[in-house]
Amino acid sequence: MNNCEEIKSGMVEYASGEMPDGEKKAIEEHVGKCSGCRAWLEKISEVIYVARHVRRPRLSDRARQAFMCGLDE
């Protein structure tokens, strides 16, 4: 991995912590030198953080029941 497109293709996996250790070094080295990819990684990391920490609204029992009844139709 050495060009920006290749690096960007692995950033979600890297930022989410799902990338194998052996592949992380290429991204870390590139991002250390490339301000564009570093900015891209920061944005992806923010999105992943928000996606993991946003509270999902809880349906009321009434809303859940109405939804489930709608599935039966």
N, C-alpha and C. Protein backbone atom coordinates (compact mmCIF):
# COMPACT_ATOMS: atom_id res chain seq x y z
N MET A 1 0.85 -1.18 0.00
CA MET A 1 0.00 0.00 0.00
C MET A 1 0.89 1.23 0.00
N ASN A 2 0.79 2.00 -1.04
CA ASN A 2 1.61 3.20 -1.02
C ASN A 2 0.97 4.42 -1.67
N ASN A 3 -0.05 4.23 -2.49
CA ASN A 3 -0.66 5.45 -3.03
C ASN A 3 -1.93 5.78 -2.24
N CYS A 4 -2.38 7.01 -2.39
CA CYS A 4 -3.50 7.50 -1.57
C CYS A 4 -4.78 6.67 -1.74
N GLU A 5 -5.09 6.27 -2.95
CA GLU A 5 -6.32 5.49 -3.16
C GLU A 5 -6.25 4.14 -2.45
N GLU A 6 -5.10 3.50 -2.50
CA GLU A 6 -4.93 2.23 -1.79
C GLU A 6 -5.05 2.43 -0.29
N ILE A 7 -4.44 3.48 0.19
CA ILE A 7 -4.49 3.78 1.63
C ILE A 7 -5.92 4.07 2.06
N LYS A 8 -6.61 4.91 1.30
CA LYS A 8 -8.00 5.25 1.65
C LYS A 8 -8.90 4.03 1.64
N SER A 9 -8.63 3.07 0.77
CA SER A 9 -9.47 1.88 0.70
C SER A 9 -9.38 1.03 1.97
N GLY A 10 -8.30 1.18 2.74
CA GLY A 10 -8.16 0.42 3.97
C GLY A 10 -8.43 1.21 5.24
N MET A 11 -8.78 2.47 5.10
CA MET A 11 -8.90 3.32 6.28
C MET A 11 -10.07 2.98 7.20
N VAL A 12 -11.18 2.56 6.66
CA VAL A 12 -12.30 2.21 7.53
C VAL A 12 -11.93 1.02 8.40
N GLU A 13 -11.32 0.03 7.78
CA GLU A 13 -10.88 -1.14 8.53
C GLU A 13 -9.83 -0.74 9.58
N TYR A 14 -8.93 0.14 9.21
CA TYR A 14 -7.90 0.61 10.14
C TYR A 14 -8.53 1.39 11.29
N ALA A 15 -9.35 2.38 10.97
CA ALA A 15 -9.94 3.25 11.98
C ALA A 15 -10.88 2.52 12.92
N SER A 16 -11.50 1.46 12.44
CA SER A 16 -12.42 0.71 13.28
C SER A 16 -11.72 -0.36 14.12
N GLY A 17 -10.40 -0.49 13.92
CA GLY A 17 -9.64 -1.46 14.71
C GLY A 17 -9.73 -2.88 14.19
N GLU A 18 -10.20 -3.04 12.97
CA GLU A 18 -10.39 -4.38 12.41
C GLU A 18 -9.26 -4.82 11.49
N MET A 19 -8.29 -3.97 11.27
CA MET A 19 -7.19 -4.30 10.36
C MET A 19 -6.15 -5.14 11.09
N PRO A 20 -5.68 -6.20 10.43
CA PRO A 20 -4.61 -7.00 11.04
C PRO A 20 -3.35 -6.15 11.29
N ASP A 21 -2.64 -6.47 12.35
CA ASP A 21 -1.47 -5.69 12.74
C ASP A 21 -0.45 -5.56 11.60
N GLY A 22 -0.26 -6.58 10.83
CA GLY A 22 0.73 -6.56 9.76
C GLY A 22 0.43 -5.54 8.67
N GLU A 23 -0.82 -5.14 8.54
CA GLU A 23 -1.21 -4.19 7.50
C GLU A 23 -1.27 -2.74 8.01
N LYS A 24 -1.28 -2.56 9.31
CA LYS A 24 -1.41 -1.22 9.89
C LYS A 24 -0.21 -0.32 9.59
N LYS A 25 0.97 -0.90 9.54
CA LYS A 25 2.19 -0.12 9.40
C LYS A 25 2.18 0.72 8.13
N ALA A 26 1.71 0.16 7.02
CA ALA A 26 1.69 0.89 5.75
C ALA A 26 0.81 2.13 5.86
N ILE A 27 -0.34 1.99 6.49
CA ILE A 27 -1.24 3.13 6.64
C ILE A 27 -0.62 4.16 7.58
N GLU A 28 -0.07 3.72 8.68
CA GLU A 28 0.53 4.64 9.64
C GLU A 28 1.70 5.42 9.02
N GLU A 29 2.52 4.74 8.25
CA GLU A 29 3.64 5.43 7.61
C GLU A 29 3.14 6.45 6.58
N HIS A 30 2.17 6.05 5.78
CA HIS A 30 1.65 6.96 4.75
C HIS A 30 0.97 8.17 5.38
N VAL A 31 0.14 7.94 6.37
CA VAL A 31 -0.60 9.02 7.02
C VAL A 31 0.37 9.97 7.73
N GLY A 32 1.49 9.45 8.18
CA GLY A 32 2.51 10.30 8.80
C GLY A 32 3.13 11.29 7.82
N LYS A 33 3.08 10.96 6.54
CA LYS A 33 3.69 11.81 5.52
C LYS A 33 2.69 12.58 4.68
N CYS A 34 1.46 12.13 4.63
CA CYS A 34 0.46 12.68 3.70
C CYS A 34 -0.65 13.40 4.48
N SER A 35 -0.67 14.71 4.39
CA SER A 35 -1.66 15.48 5.15
C SER A 35 -3.09 15.24 4.65
N GLY A 36 -3.25 14.98 3.35
CA GLY A 36 -4.58 14.70 2.81
C GLY A 36 -5.17 13.42 3.38
N CYS A 37 -4.36 12.38 3.40
CA CYS A 37 -4.84 11.11 3.96
C CYS A 37 -5.00 11.18 5.47
N ARG A 38 -4.17 11.97 6.12
CA ARG A 38 -4.30 12.16 7.57
C ARG A 38 -5.64 12.82 7.89
N ALA A 39 -6.01 13.83 7.10
CA ALA A 39 -7.30 14.50 7.29
C ALA A 39 -8.45 13.54 7.02
N TRP A 40 -8.30 12.73 5.98
CA TRP A 40 -9.32 11.72 5.63
C TRP A 40 -9.50 10.74 6.79
N LEU A 41 -8.40 10.28 7.36
CA LEU A 41 -8.45 9.35 8.48
C LEU A 41 -9.12 9.98 9.70
N GLU A 42 -8.83 11.24 9.96
CA GLU A 42 -9.46 11.93 11.10
C GLU A 42 -10.97 11.98 10.92
N LYS A 43 -11.42 12.28 9.71
CA LYS A 43 -12.87 12.35 9.46
C LYS A 43 -13.51 10.98 9.60
N ILE A 44 -12.90 9.96 9.05
CA ILE A 44 -13.45 8.60 9.15
C ILE A 44 -13.48 8.17 10.61
N SER A 45 -12.44 8.49 11.35
CA SER A 45 -12.41 8.13 12.77
C SER A 45 -13.54 8.80 13.54
N GLU A 46 -13.83 10.05 13.20
CA GLU A 46 -14.94 10.77 13.85
C GLU A 46 -16.27 10.09 13.53
N VAL A 47 -16.48 9.73 12.29
CA VAL A 47 -17.72 9.07 11.89
C VAL A 47 -17.89 7.75 12.62
N ILE A 48 -16.83 6.97 12.69
CA ILE A 48 -16.89 5.68 13.38
C ILE A 48 -17.19 5.89 14.86
N TYR A 49 -16.56 6.88 15.48
CA TYR A 49 -16.81 7.17 16.89
C TYR A 49 -18.28 7.50 17.12
N VAL A 50 -18.80 8.40 16.30
CA VAL A 50 -20.21 8.80 16.46
C VAL A 50 -21.13 7.61 16.25
N ALA A 51 -20.85 6.83 15.22
CA ALA A 51 -21.70 5.66 14.94
C ALA A 51 -21.71 4.67 16.09
N ARG A 52 -20.61 4.54 16.77
CA ARG A 52 -20.53 3.61 17.90
C ARG A 52 -21.12 4.16 19.18
N HIS A 53 -21.17 5.47 19.32
CA HIS A 53 -21.56 6.07 20.60
C HIS A 53 -22.90 6.79 20.60
N VAL A 54 -23.51 6.89 19.46
CA VAL A 54 -24.81 7.57 19.40
C VAL A 54 -25.85 6.65 20.05
N ARG A 55 -26.69 7.22 20.83
CA ARG A 55 -27.75 6.42 21.47
C ARG A 55 -28.88 6.21 20.48
N ARG A 56 -29.27 4.99 20.37
CA ARG A 56 -30.39 4.67 19.50
C ARG A 56 -31.68 4.93 20.27
N PRO A 57 -32.63 5.56 19.61
CA PRO A 57 -33.89 5.81 20.32
C PRO A 57 -34.58 4.49 20.64
N ARG A 58 -35.22 4.45 21.79
CA ARG A 58 -35.95 3.26 22.20
C ARG A 58 -37.41 3.46 21.86
N LEU A 59 -37.98 2.49 21.18
CA LEU A 59 -39.40 2.56 20.85
C LEU A 59 -40.23 2.30 22.10
N SER A 60 -41.32 3.02 22.22
CA SER A 60 -42.24 2.73 23.32
C SER A 60 -42.88 1.38 23.05
N ASP A 61 -43.44 0.78 24.07
CA ASP A 61 -44.10 -0.52 23.90
C ASP A 61 -45.23 -0.41 22.87
N ARG A 62 -45.94 0.70 22.91
CA ARG A 62 -47.05 0.90 21.97
C ARG A 62 -46.54 0.98 20.52
N ALA A 63 -45.47 1.73 20.32
CA ALA A 63 -44.90 1.87 18.97
C ALA A 63 -44.35 0.54 18.48
N ARG A 64 -43.69 -0.19 19.37
CA ARG A 64 -43.15 -1.50 19.00
C ARG A 64 -44.27 -2.45 18.60
N GLN A 65 -45.36 -2.45 19.37
CA GLN A 65 -46.50 -3.32 19.08
C GLN A 65 -47.11 -2.94 17.73
N ALA A 66 -47.27 -1.65 17.46
CA ALA A 66 -47.82 -1.21 16.19
C ALA A 66 -46.92 -1.64 15.03
N PHE A 67 -45.63 -1.52 15.22
CA PHE A 67 -44.69 -1.93 14.19
C PHE A 67 -44.80 -3.43 13.94
N MET A 68 -44.81 -4.21 15.01
CA MET A 68 -44.88 -5.66 14.85
C MET A 68 -46.20 -6.09 14.19
N CYS A 69 -47.28 -5.43 14.53
CA CYS A 69 -48.56 -5.74 13.89
C CYS A 69 -48.51 -5.43 12.39
N GLY A 70 -47.83 -4.36 12.04
CA GLY A 70 -47.68 -3.99 10.63
C GLY A 70 -46.90 -5.03 9.85
N LEU A 71 -46.00 -5.74 10.50
CA LEU A 71 -45.22 -6.78 9.83
C LEU A 71 -46.08 -7.99 9.49
N ASP A 72 -47.09 -8.23 10.30
CA ASP A 72 -47.96 -9.39 10.09
C ASP A 72 -48.91 -9.21 8.91
N GLU A 73 -49.13 -7.98 8.49
CA GLU A 73 -50.09 -7.72 7.42
C GLU A 73 -49.55 -8.06 6.07
